[in-house]
Amino acid sequence: MSPTAAKSSATPVERLRPLIQPRLRKQPLNPEVGYLDLSEDRKEPVTTSTIAMQLPLVSAIYERWWRPGLVRIAKGVNGPSMSGEYAEAQQMLKLKRGDYVLDLACGPGNFTRRFARTVAPDGLAVGYDGSRSMLERGVRELNADETPAMVLVRGEATQLPFEDETFDSVCCFAALHMFPEPEATLAEIARVLKPGGRVALFTTTVSGGGPPALAAHAFGVVSQMRMFREDEMRELLEGLGFAVDSQRSAGVTQLVAAVRA
């Protein structure tokens, strides 16, 4: 059997095991929940947004109402639709068959399922989130459409449980600004990406001054979301050894693609 055939015949969990740090590698997959729990339940800082993502009600309405509705307001009239976001992510990551992609803060796996279809049969799409309720919904949807080459994992965003240089690409859409320590998350993304690997980010941005910028900053304070300056994301990524490939804004959001050196 060829290496490619052997890889494609392995289950998604079997393909994931070698990527996990040794101390967690033997963690069993609980068939009752359907996702691999690699969370060590550290007492990490939380924000209003990360607390909301843990609520069953939010996970129930997330895919159809919460995510499209709230983010549409943030993107403004010139921002991409949800289908446009899927296309943007695929283009920014340049996914192909056989790639290993990490979908960080995947929610119920909306993007992960699409990535899995692209990289199948011998690649792997890993949906990673800290919310049990989001992943439980993701498992139900995964079982319903039998998406190949996909596995869901629970864990913390500031300490990814994967070995260095394991993924060809990492996607983090509509989440980085909600993390209490986004700089630590970006550093972890850099660590787990292979040299030449790509990252696609969809997050907040504030440019200029005047009432719109003040209102955006005020919203950030109230919601505990990070409102990144227009040049801040580029500076953070370049400081971690990335070359920014593209960056564009819509409303108070930005899409950023970068390549790890």
C-alpha atoms as a PDB file:
ATOM      1  CA  MET A   1       0.000   0.000   0.000  1.00  0.00           C
ATOM      2  CA  SER A   2       1.353   3.452  -0.923  1.00  0.00           C
ATOM      3  CA  PRO A   3       1.840   6.102   1.815  1.00  0.00           C
ATOM      4  CA  THR A   4      -0.993   8.143   0.297  1.00  0.00           C
ATOM      5  CA  ALA A   5      -3.337   5.163   0.292  1.00  0.00           C
ATOM      6  CA  ALA A   6      -2.375   4.324   3.863  1.00  0.00           C
ATOM      7  CA  LYS A   7      -3.061   7.882   4.968  1.00  0.00           C
ATOM      8  CA  SER A   8      -6.467   8.044   3.285  1.00  0.00           C
ATOM      9  CA  SER A   9      -7.513   4.663   4.758  1.00  0.00           C
ATOM     10  CA  ALA A  10      -6.790   5.865   8.313  1.00  0.00           C
ATOM     11  CA  THR A  11      -9.622   7.481  10.265  1.00  0.00           C
ATOM     12  CA  PRO A  12      -9.427  11.242  10.884  1.00  0.00           C
ATOM     13  CA  VAL A  13      -8.622  10.619  14.558  1.00  0.00           C
ATOM     14  CA  GLU A  14      -5.819   8.220  13.604  1.00  0.00           C
ATOM     15  CA  ARG A  15      -4.376  10.857  11.287  1.00  0.00           C
ATOM     16  CA  LEU A  16      -4.590  13.449  14.042  1.00  0.00           C
ATOM     17  CA  ARG A  17      -2.816  11.403  16.754  1.00  0.00           C
ATOM     18  CA  PRO A  18       0.795  11.984  15.538  1.00  0.00           C
ATOM     19  CA  LEU A  19       0.170  15.745  15.477  1.00  0.00           C
ATOM     20  CA  ILE A  20      -0.777  15.892  19.164  1.00  0.00           C
ATOM     21  CA  GLN A  21       1.813  16.618  21.820  1.00  0.00           C
ATOM     22  CA  PRO A  22       2.957  13.340  23.460  1.00  0.00           C
ATOM     23  CA  ARG A  23       1.473  14.005  26.892  1.00  0.00           C
ATOM     24  CA  LEU A  24      -2.031  14.202  25.356  1.00  0.00           C
ATOM     25  CA  ARG A  25      -1.633  11.832  22.423  1.00  0.00           C
ATOM     26  CA  LYS A  26      -3.400   8.874  24.046  1.00  0.00           C
ATOM     27  CA  GLN A  27      -6.424  10.869  25.178  1.00  0.00           C
ATOM     28  CA  PRO A  28      -9.420   8.702  24.181  1.00  0.00           C
ATOM     29  CA  LEU A  29     -12.214   9.820  21.899  1.00  0.00           C
ATOM     30  CA  ASN A  30     -15.393   9.606  23.966  1.00  0.00           C
ATOM     31  CA  PRO A  31     -18.025   8.146  21.598  1.00  0.00           C
ATOM     32  CA  GLU A  32     -20.762   9.728  23.683  1.00  0.00           C
ATOM     33  CA  VAL A  33     -19.613  13.261  22.795  1.00  0.00           C
ATOM     34  CA  GLY A  34     -18.000  12.593  19.412  1.00  0.00           C
ATOM     35  CA  TYR A  35     -15.111  15.056  19.700  1.00  0.00           C
ATOM     36  CA  LEU A  36     -11.629  14.717  21.127  1.00  0.00           C
ATOM     37  CA  ASP A  37     -11.287  16.681  24.358  1.00  0.00           C
ATOM     38  CA  LEU A  38      -7.696  17.894  24.734  1.00  0.00           C
ATOM     39  CA  SER A  39      -8.609  20.743  27.043  1.00  0.00           C
ATOM     40  CA  GLU A  40      -6.764  20.771  30.340  1.00  0.00           C
ATOM     41  CA  ASP A  41      -9.350  23.230  31.682  1.00  0.00           C
ATOM     42  CA  ARG A  42      -6.779  25.806  32.683  1.00  0.00           C
ATOM     43  CA  LYS A  43      -8.061  28.874  34.486  1.00  0.00           C
ATOM     44  CA  GLU A  44      -7.583  31.206  31.530  1.00  0.00           C
ATOM     45  CA  PRO A  45      -8.956  34.756  31.341  1.00  0.00           C
ATOM     46  CA  VAL A  46     -12.438  35.044  29.851  1.00  0.00           C
ATOM     47  CA  THR A  47     -14.399  37.787  28.117  1.00  0.00           C
ATOM     48  CA  THR A  48     -18.100  38.463  27.655  1.00  0.00           C
ATOM     49  CA  SER A  49     -17.841  37.026  24.143  1.00  0.00           C
ATOM     50  CA  THR A  50     -16.089  33.798  25.135  1.00  0.00           C
ATOM     51  CA  ILE A  51     -18.666  33.236  27.877  1.00  0.00           C
ATOM     52  CA  ALA A  52     -21.495  33.714  25.356  1.00  0.00           C
ATOM     53  CA  MET A  53     -19.979  31.107  23.039  1.00  0.00           C
ATOM     54  CA  GLN A  54     -20.348  28.502  25.792  1.00  0.00           C
ATOM     55  CA  LEU A  55     -24.135  28.912  25.980  1.00  0.00           C
ATOM     56  CA  PRO A  56     -26.316  26.220  24.347  1.00  0.00           C
ATOM     57  CA  LEU A  57     -28.725  28.900  23.089  1.00  0.00           C
ATOM     58  CA  VAL A  58     -25.947  30.653  21.171  1.00  0.00           C
ATOM     59  CA  SER A  59     -24.753  27.397  19.586  1.00  0.00           C
ATOM     60  CA  ALA A  60     -28.331  26.610  18.538  1.00  0.00           C
ATOM     61  CA  ILE A  61     -28.759  29.887  16.633  1.00  0.00           C
ATOM     62  CA  TYR A  62     -25.117  30.498  15.717  1.00  0.00           C
ATOM     63  CA  GLU A  63     -24.967  29.161  12.169  1.00  0.00           C
ATOM     64  CA  ARG A  64     -28.244  30.568  10.892  1.00  0.00           C
ATOM     65  CA  TRP A  65     -28.735  33.798  12.866  1.00  0.00           C
ATOM     66  CA  TRP A  66     -25.948  34.853  15.262  1.00  0.00           C
ATOM     67  CA  ARG A  67     -22.884  34.614  13.050  1.00  0.00           C
ATOM     68  CA  PRO A  68     -24.405  35.888   9.763  1.00  0.00           C
ATOM     69  CA  GLY A  69     -26.439  38.663  11.387  1.00  0.00           C
ATOM     70  CA  LEU A  70     -23.965  40.245  13.800  1.00  0.00           C
ATOM     71  CA  VAL A  71     -20.985  39.940  11.490  1.00  0.00           C
ATOM     72  CA  ARG A  72     -22.976  41.409   8.583  1.00  0.00           C
ATOM     73  CA  ILE A  73     -23.507  44.535  10.687  1.00  0.00           C
ATOM     74  CA  ALA A  74     -19.776  44.688  11.457  1.00  0.00           C
ATOM     75  CA  LYS A  75     -18.761  44.134   7.807  1.00  0.00           C
ATOM     76  CA  GLY A  76     -21.062  46.815   6.429  1.00  0.00           C
ATOM     77  CA  VAL A  77     -22.613  46.805   2.972  1.00  0.00           C
ATOM     78  CA  ASN A  78     -19.276  46.258   1.206  1.00  0.00           C
ATOM     79  CA  GLY A  79     -18.236  43.199   3.199  1.00  0.00           C
ATOM     80  CA  PRO A  80     -18.479  39.637   1.854  1.00  0.00           C
ATOM     81  CA  SER A  81     -21.553  37.481   2.400  1.00  0.00           C
ATOM     82  CA  MET A  82     -21.224  34.197   4.319  1.00  0.00           C
ATOM     83  CA  SER A  83     -20.714  32.317   1.051  1.00  0.00           C
ATOM     84  CA  GLY A  84     -18.212  35.008   0.121  1.00  0.00           C
ATOM     85  CA  GLU A  85     -16.358  34.409   3.385  1.00  0.00           C
ATOM     86  CA  TYR A  86     -16.095  30.691   2.626  1.00  0.00           C
ATOM     87  CA  ALA A  87     -14.657  31.489  -0.799  1.00  0.00           C
ATOM     88  CA  GLU A  88     -12.276  34.094   0.668  1.00  0.00           C
ATOM     89  CA  ALA A  89     -10.972  31.608   3.241  1.00  0.00           C
ATOM     90  CA  GLN A  90     -10.354  28.919   0.629  1.00  0.00           C
ATOM     91  CA  GLN A  91      -8.535  31.399  -1.611  1.00  0.00           C
ATOM     92  CA  MET A  92      -6.451  32.889   1.214  1.00  0.00           C
ATOM     93  CA  LEU A  93      -5.354  29.452   2.421  1.00  0.00           C
ATOM     94  CA  LYS A  94      -4.850  28.003  -1.076  1.00  0.00           C
ATOM     95  CA  LEU A  95      -6.116  24.635   0.171  1.00  0.00           C
ATOM     96  CA  LYS A  96      -5.603  21.525  -1.896  1.00  0.00           C
ATOM     97  CA  ARG A  97      -6.062  17.791  -1.562  1.00  0.00           C
ATOM     98  CA  GLY A  98      -3.825  16.281   1.109  1.00  0.00           C
ATOM     99  CA  ASP A  99      -3.396  19.469   3.160  1.00  0.00           C
ATOM    100  CA  TYR A 100      -3.700  19.529   6.939  1.00  0.00           C
ATOM    101  CA  VAL A 101      -5.709  22.581   8.011  1.00  0.00           C
ATOM    102  CA  LEU A 102      -6.592  23.849  11.488  1.00  0.00           C
ATOM    103  CA  ASP A 103      -9.866  25.776  11.814  1.00  0.00           C
ATOM    104  CA  LEU A 104      -9.295  27.676  15.049  1.00  0.00           C
ATOM    105  CA  ALA A 105     -12.436  28.716  16.956  1.00  0.00           C
ATOM    106  CA  CYS A 106     -14.472  26.632  14.528  1.00  0.00           C
ATOM    107  CA  GLY A 107     -17.799  26.937  16.365  1.00  0.00           C
ATOM    108  CA  PRO A 108     -20.060  24.168  15.019  1.00  0.00           C
ATOM    109  CA  GLY A 109     -17.691  23.585  12.114  1.00  0.00           C
ATOM    110  CA  ASN A 110     -19.287  25.629   9.321  1.00  0.00           C
ATOM    111  CA  PHE A 111     -15.932  26.311   7.657  1.00  0.00           C
ATOM    112  CA  THR A 112     -14.302  23.057   8.775  1.00  0.00           C
ATOM    113  CA  ARG A 113     -16.748  20.930   6.795  1.00  0.00           C
ATOM    114  CA  ARG A 114     -15.972  22.841   3.615  1.00  0.00           C
ATOM    115  CA  PHE A 115     -12.231  22.608   4.209  1.00  0.00           C
ATOM    116  CA  ALA A 116     -12.559  18.854   4.775  1.00  0.00           C
ATOM    117  CA  ARG A 117     -14.195  18.340   1.395  1.00  0.00           C
ATOM    118  CA  THR A 118     -11.326  20.201  -0.274  1.00  0.00           C
ATOM    119  CA  VAL A 119      -8.471  18.306   1.414  1.00  0.00           C
ATOM    120  CA  ALA A 120     -10.119  14.833   1.308  1.00  0.00           C
ATOM    121  CA  PRO A 121      -9.471  11.997   1.055  1.00  0.00           C
ATOM    122  CA  ASP A 122      -5.901  12.018   2.365  1.00  0.00           C
ATOM    123  CA  GLY A 123      -5.796  15.425   4.049  1.00  0.00           C
ATOM    124  CA  LEU A 124      -7.300  16.484   7.378  1.00  0.00           C
ATOM    125  CA  ALA A 125      -9.428  19.392   8.594  1.00  0.00           C
ATOM    126  CA  VAL A 126      -9.285  19.889  12.357  1.00  0.00           C
ATOM    127  CA  GLY A 127     -12.073  21.950  13.888  1.00  0.00           C
ATOM    128  CA  TYR A 128     -10.854  23.350  17.206  1.00  0.00           C
ATOM    129  CA  ASP A 129     -12.941  25.207  19.776  1.00  0.00           C
ATOM    130  CA  GLY A 130     -13.248  25.706  23.517  1.00  0.00           C
ATOM    131  CA  SER A 131     -17.038  25.495  23.670  1.00  0.00           C
ATOM    132  CA  ARG A 132     -18.637  22.155  24.467  1.00  0.00           C
ATOM    133  CA  SER A 133     -22.055  23.265  23.197  1.00  0.00           C
ATOM    134  CA  MET A 134     -20.608  24.449  19.864  1.00  0.00           C
ATOM    135  CA  LEU A 135     -18.736  21.185  19.345  1.00  0.00           C
ATOM    136  CA  GLU A 136     -21.752  19.084  20.337  1.00  0.00           C
ATOM    137  CA  ARG A 137     -23.760  20.808  17.633  1.00  0.00           C
ATOM    138  CA  GLY A 138     -20.846  20.348  15.236  1.00  0.00           C
ATOM    139  CA  VAL A 139     -20.790  16.594  15.960  1.00  0.00           C
ATOM    140  CA  ARG A 140     -24.502  16.305  15.147  1.00  0.00           C
ATOM    141  CA  GLU A 141     -24.015  18.071  11.834  1.00  0.00           C
ATOM    142  CA  LEU A 142     -20.868  16.089  11.060  1.00  0.00           C
ATOM    143  CA  ASN A 143     -22.725  12.835  11.649  1.00  0.00           C
ATOM    144  CA  ALA A 144     -25.639  14.026   9.517  1.00  0.00           C
ATOM    145  CA  ASP A 145     -23.613  14.681   6.367  1.00  0.00           C
ATOM    146  CA  GLU A 146     -20.755  12.207   7.015  1.00  0.00           C
ATOM    147  CA  THR A 147     -18.074  14.742   6.136  1.00  0.00           C
ATOM    148  CA  PRO A 148     -14.788  12.930   5.361  1.00  0.00           C
ATOM    149  CA  ALA A 149     -11.331  13.906   6.607  1.00  0.00           C
ATOM    150  CA  MET A 150     -12.634  15.951   9.546  1.00  0.00           C
ATOM    151  CA  VAL A 151     -12.252  15.756  13.310  1.00  0.00           C
ATOM    152  CA  LEU A 152     -13.421  18.093  16.079  1.00  0.00           C
ATOM    153  CA  VAL A 153     -11.216  18.928  19.072  1.00  0.00           C
ATOM    154  CA  ARG A 154     -11.807  20.877  22.272  1.00  0.00           C
ATOM    155  CA  GLY A 155      -8.976  22.924  23.772  1.00  0.00           C
ATOM    156  CA  GLU A 156      -7.603  26.346  24.694  1.00  0.00           C
ATOM    157  CA  ALA A 157      -6.610  28.872  22.029  1.00  0.00           C
ATOM    158  CA  THR A 158      -3.572  30.170  23.908  1.00  0.00           C
ATOM    159  CA  GLN A 159      -1.936  26.735  24.284  1.00  0.00           C
ATOM    160  CA  LEU A 160      -2.638  24.545  21.269  1.00  0.00           C
ATOM    161  CA  PRO A 161      -2.061  20.841  22.037  1.00  0.00           C
ATOM    162  CA  PHE A 162      -0.266  20.159  18.745  1.00  0.00           C
ATOM    163  CA  GLU A 163       3.364  19.576  17.850  1.00  0.00           C
ATOM    164  CA  ASP A 164       5.443  22.291  16.168  1.00  0.00           C
ATOM    165  CA  GLU A 165       5.140  22.707  12.386  1.00  0.00           C
ATOM    166  CA  THR A 166       2.218  20.305  11.900  1.00  0.00           C
ATOM    167  CA  PHE A 167      -0.311  22.214   9.760  1.00  0.00           C
ATOM    168  CA  ASP A 168      -0.182  23.503   6.191  1.00  0.00           C
ATOM    169  CA  SER A 169      -2.658  26.259   7.032  1.00  0.00           C
ATOM    170  CA  VAL A 170      -4.627  27.796   9.882  1.00  0.00           C
ATOM    171  CA  CYS A 171      -7.928  29.664   9.608  1.00  0.00           C
ATOM    172  CA  CYS A 172      -9.285  31.891  12.367  1.00  0.00           C
ATOM    173  CA  PHE A 173     -12.393  33.750  11.243  1.00  0.00           C
ATOM    174  CA  ALA A 174     -14.506  36.033  13.453  1.00  0.00           C
ATOM    175  CA  ALA A 175     -12.796  34.984  16.684  1.00  0.00           C
ATOM    176  CA  LEU A 176      -9.336  36.427  17.329  1.00  0.00           C
ATOM    177  CA  HIS A 177     -10.730  39.702  18.698  1.00  0.00           C
ATOM    178  CA  MET A 178     -12.765  37.752  21.276  1.00  0.00           C
ATOM    179  CA  PHE A 179      -9.768  36.002  22.833  1.00  0.00           C
ATOM    180  CA  PRO A 180      -8.443  37.535  26.063  1.00  0.00           C
ATOM    181  CA  GLU A 181      -4.841  37.082  24.823  1.00  0.00           C
ATOM    182  CA  PRO A 182      -4.827  37.347  21.006  1.00  0.00           C
ATOM    183  CA  GLU A 183      -1.055  37.844  20.869  1.00  0.00           C
ATOM    184  CA  ALA A 184      -0.530  34.471  22.564  1.00  0.00           C
ATOM    185  CA  THR A 185      -2.921  32.846  20.099  1.00  0.00           C
ATOM    186  CA  LEU A 186      -1.055  34.320  17.121  1.00  0.00           C
ATOM    187  CA  ALA A 187       2.223  33.014  18.560  1.00  0.00           C
ATOM    188  CA  GLU A 188       0.680  29.536  18.827  1.00  0.00           C
ATOM    189  CA  ILE A 189      -0.548  29.740  15.237  1.00  0.00           C
ATOM    190  CA  ALA A 190       3.003  30.554  14.134  1.00  0.00           C
ATOM    191  CA  ARG A 191       4.350  27.626  16.154  1.00  0.00           C
ATOM    192  CA  VAL A 192       2.054  24.946  14.701  1.00  0.00           C
ATOM    193  CA  LEU A 193       2.325  26.128  11.081  1.00  0.00           C
ATOM    194  CA  LYS A 194       4.882  24.532   8.781  1.00  0.00           C
ATOM    195  CA  PRO A 195       7.426  26.862   7.132  1.00  0.00           C
ATOM    196  CA  GLY A 196       5.629  28.312   4.130  1.00  0.00           C
ATOM    197  CA  GLY A 197       2.275  27.612   5.791  1.00  0.00           C
ATOM    198  CA  ARG A 198      -0.556  30.085   5.423  1.00  0.00           C
ATOM    199  CA  VAL A 199      -2.852  31.789   7.921  1.00  0.00           C
ATOM    200  CA  ALA A 200      -6.189  33.435   7.122  1.00  0.00           C
ATOM    201  CA  LEU A 201      -7.668  35.838   9.667  1.00  0.00           C
ATOM    202  CA  PHE A 202     -10.989  37.652   9.769  1.00  0.00           C
ATOM    203  CA  THR A 203     -11.084  40.032  12.703  1.00  0.00           C
ATOM    204  CA  THR A 204     -11.783  43.610  13.758  1.00  0.00           C
ATOM    205  CA  THR A 205     -10.125  46.833  12.694  1.00  0.00           C
ATOM    206  CA  VAL A 206     -10.486  50.520  13.446  1.00  0.00           C
ATOM    207  CA  SER A 207      -8.982  53.192  11.235  1.00  0.00           C
ATOM    208  CA  GLY A 208      -8.892  56.959  11.383  1.00  0.00           C
ATOM    209  CA  GLY A 209     -10.652  59.031  14.002  1.00  0.00           C
ATOM    210  CA  GLY A 210     -13.919  60.813  14.505  1.00  0.00           C
ATOM    211  CA  PRO A 211     -17.267  59.470  15.751  1.00  0.00           C
ATOM    212  CA  PRO A 212     -17.148  56.081  13.926  1.00  0.00           C
ATOM    213  CA  ALA A 213     -13.779  55.191  15.431  1.00  0.00           C
ATOM    214  CA  LEU A 214     -14.837  56.367  18.885  1.00  0.00           C
ATOM    215  CA  ALA A 215     -18.039  54.326  18.652  1.00  0.00           C
ATOM    216  CA  ALA A 216     -16.061  51.243  17.612  1.00  0.00           C
ATOM    217  CA  HIS A 217     -13.650  51.659  20.511  1.00  0.00           C
ATOM    218  CA  ALA A 218     -16.562  52.132  22.919  1.00  0.00           C
ATOM    219  CA  PHE A 219     -18.181  48.950  21.618  1.00  0.00           C
ATOM    220  CA  GLY A 220     -14.895  47.133  22.142  1.00  0.00           C
ATOM    221  CA  VAL A 221     -14.733  48.253  25.760  1.00  0.00           C
ATOM    222  CA  VAL A 222     -18.332  47.241  26.493  1.00  0.00           C
ATOM    223  CA  SER A 223     -18.140  43.888  24.692  1.00  0.00           C
ATOM    224  CA  GLN A 224     -14.550  43.160  25.818  1.00  0.00           C
ATOM    225  CA  MET A 225     -13.600  42.591  22.176  1.00  0.00           C
ATOM    226  CA  ARG A 226     -10.210  43.706  20.911  1.00  0.00           C
ATOM    227  CA  MET A 227     -10.514  46.423  18.262  1.00  0.00           C
ATOM    228  CA  PHE A 228      -7.251  46.191  16.330  1.00  0.00           C
ATOM    229  CA  ARG A 229      -5.713  49.308  14.853  1.00  0.00           C
ATOM    230  CA  GLU A 230      -5.433  49.347  11.073  1.00  0.00           C
ATOM    231  CA  ASP A 231      -1.681  48.636  11.137  1.00  0.00           C
ATOM    232  CA  GLU A 232      -1.591  46.549  14.318  1.00  0.00           C
ATOM    233  CA  MET A 233      -2.332  43.151  12.784  1.00  0.00           C
ATOM    234  CA  ARG A 234       0.431  43.545  10.202  1.00  0.00           C
ATOM    235  CA  GLU A 235       2.884  44.525  12.940  1.00  0.00           C
ATOM    236  CA  LEU A 236       1.919  41.532  15.104  1.00  0.00           C
ATOM    237  CA  LEU A 237       2.241  39.063  12.239  1.00  0.00           C
ATOM    238  CA  GLU A 238       5.519  40.430  10.944  1.00  0.00           C
ATOM    239  CA  GLY A 239       6.899  40.308  14.477  1.00  0.00           C
ATOM    240  CA  LEU A 240       6.195  36.554  14.465  1.00  0.00           C
ATOM    241  CA  GLY A 241       8.002  36.011  11.164  1.00  0.00           C
ATOM    242  CA  PHE A 242       5.046  36.182   8.789  1.00  0.00           C
ATOM    243  CA  ALA A 243       4.951  37.961   5.455  1.00  0.00           C
ATOM    244  CA  VAL A 244       1.533  39.579   4.979  1.00  0.00           C
ATOM    245  CA  ASP A 245       0.151  38.515   1.628  1.00  0.00           C
ATOM    246  CA  SER A 246      -3.056  40.554   1.571  1.00  0.00           C
ATOM    247  CA  GLN A 247      -5.057  42.812   3.860  1.00  0.00           C
ATOM    248  CA  ARG A 248      -8.342  44.582   3.228  1.00  0.00           C
ATOM    249  CA  SER A 249     -11.039  46.137   5.369  1.00  0.00           C
ATOM    250  CA  ALA A 250     -14.834  46.231   5.279  1.00  0.00           C
ATOM    251  CA  GLY A 251     -16.710  48.167   7.942  1.00  0.00           C
ATOM    252  CA  VAL A 252     -14.946  47.482  11.245  1.00  0.00           C
ATOM    253  CA  THR A 253     -13.566  44.139  10.023  1.00  0.00           C
ATOM    254  CA  GLN A 254     -10.473  43.062   8.131  1.00  0.00           C
ATOM    255  CA  LEU A 255      -9.352  40.022   6.151  1.00  0.00           C
ATOM    256  CA  VAL A 256      -5.654  39.233   6.444  1.00  0.00           C
ATOM    257  CA  ALA A 257      -3.653  36.482   4.738  1.00  0.00           C
ATOM    258  CA  ALA A 258      -0.016  35.797   5.653  1.00  0.00           C
ATOM    259  CA  VAL A 259       2.713  33.243   5.012  1.00  0.00           C
ATOM    260  CA  ARG A 260       5.061  31.884   7.658  1.00  0.00           C
ATOM    261  CA  ALA A 261       8.750  32.204   6.780  1.00  0.00           C
END
